[in-house]
Amino acid sequence: MILVVFAITGSSSAKLSTPLTDYIGITADNFSPWVYWPARILLIFPIYQVLLVFFGFVFGQFRFFWNFEKKMLSRMGLGFLFVPKDEN
């Protein structure tokens, strides 16, 4: 089930990035490939993060993917996005 969630999330985020880049005006016709592709990849990243947790919830694996997100973002230096639980 976890592999299915990863597959669906990757395909969905790649598919959603095209209309989103077109909407904000970043198209392959307007920009060089050196600007277009890094912008598109940077746009795919947050879409992927949100969809991963969403599809994890839909397929009953929310806890696994929520912990996966927290671990991955903290390793990238973005752990400040998650407020730690009180230790009291």
Protein backbone atom coordinates (compact mmCIF):
# COMPACT_ATOMS: atom_id res chain seq x y z
CA MET A 1 0.00 0.00 0.00
CA ILE A 2 2.85 2.37 0.83
CA LEU A 3 4.44 1.89 -2.59
CA VAL A 4 1.09 2.62 -4.24
CA VAL A 5 0.84 5.90 -2.30
CA PHE A 6 4.36 6.91 -3.41
CA ALA A 7 3.53 6.09 -7.05
CA ILE A 8 0.23 7.96 -7.08
CA THR A 9 1.75 10.95 -5.31
CA GLY A 10 4.68 11.25 -7.71
CA SER A 11 2.49 11.00 -10.78
CA SER A 12 -0.08 13.42 -9.40
CA SER A 13 2.43 16.07 -8.37
CA ALA A 14 4.14 15.96 -11.77
CA LYS A 15 0.79 16.20 -13.51
CA LEU A 16 -0.40 19.11 -11.35
CA SER A 17 2.77 21.12 -11.80
CA THR A 18 2.10 21.79 -15.51
CA PRO A 19 -1.19 23.68 -15.10
CA LEU A 20 0.17 25.47 -12.04
CA THR A 21 3.29 26.70 -13.86
CA ASP A 22 1.12 27.76 -16.80
CA TYR A 23 -1.20 29.63 -14.44
CA ILE A 24 1.61 31.64 -12.86
CA GLY A 25 3.16 32.32 -16.26
CA ILE A 26 6.18 30.04 -16.16
CA THR A 27 6.08 28.19 -19.46
CA ALA A 28 8.75 26.60 -21.61
CA ASP A 29 7.97 29.17 -24.29
CA ASN A 30 8.56 32.16 -21.99
CA PHE A 31 11.69 30.98 -20.16
CA SER A 32 14.88 29.19 -21.03
CA PRO A 33 15.17 25.57 -19.92
CA TRP A 34 17.74 26.70 -17.30
CA VAL A 35 15.02 28.70 -15.55
CA TYR A 36 11.90 26.70 -16.45
CA TRP A 37 12.97 23.27 -15.16
CA PRO A 38 14.42 24.37 -11.81
CA ALA A 39 11.29 26.49 -11.22
CA ARG A 40 9.08 23.54 -12.07
CA ILE A 41 11.02 21.19 -9.80
CA LEU A 42 10.85 23.71 -6.95
CA LEU A 43 7.12 23.91 -7.51
CA ILE A 44 6.69 20.14 -7.56
CA PHE A 45 8.36 19.74 -4.15
CA PRO A 46 5.67 21.38 -1.95
CA ILE A 47 2.90 19.85 -4.05
CA TYR A 48 4.46 16.43 -3.50
CA GLN A 49 4.73 16.95 0.27
CA VAL A 50 1.07 17.87 0.63
CA LEU A 51 -0.17 15.12 -1.68
CA LEU A 52 1.94 12.50 0.07
CA VAL A 53 0.20 13.11 3.38
CA PHE A 54 -3.19 13.43 1.64
CA PHE A 55 -2.91 10.13 -0.25
CA GLY A 56 -1.46 8.49 2.84
CA PHE A 57 -4.63 9.51 4.66
CA VAL A 58 -6.87 8.28 1.82
CA PHE A 59 -5.17 4.87 1.81
CA GLY A 60 -5.16 4.53 5.60
CA GLN A 61 -1.44 5.12 6.09
CA PHE A 62 -1.54 8.65 7.50
CA ARG A 63 0.60 7.94 10.56
CA PHE A 64 3.40 6.41 8.48
CA PHE A 65 3.49 9.28 5.98
CA TRP A 66 3.15 11.98 8.63
CA ASN A 67 6.20 10.57 10.43
CA PHE A 68 7.98 10.21 7.09
CA GLU A 69 7.32 13.88 6.30
CA LYS A 70 8.55 15.07 9.67
CA LYS A 71 11.75 13.03 9.38
CA MET A 72 12.45 14.08 5.79
CA LEU A 73 11.86 17.79 6.40
CA SER A 74 13.93 17.80 9.57
CA ARG A 75 16.83 16.21 7.68
CA MET A 76 16.52 18.97 5.10
CA GLY A 77 16.77 21.60 7.81
CA LEU A 78 13.06 22.43 7.71
CA GLY A 79 12.21 20.75 11.01
CA PHE A 80 11.18 24.12 12.45
CA LEU A 81 7.92 23.71 10.50
CA PHE A 82 6.81 21.15 13.07
CA VAL A 83 6.31 22.25 16.63
CA PRO A 84 7.63 19.58 19.04
CA LYS A 85 5.31 18.18 21.69
CA ASP A 86 5.69 19.39 25.27
CA GLU A 87 7.83 17.02 27.30
CA ASN A 88 5.88 17.70 30.51
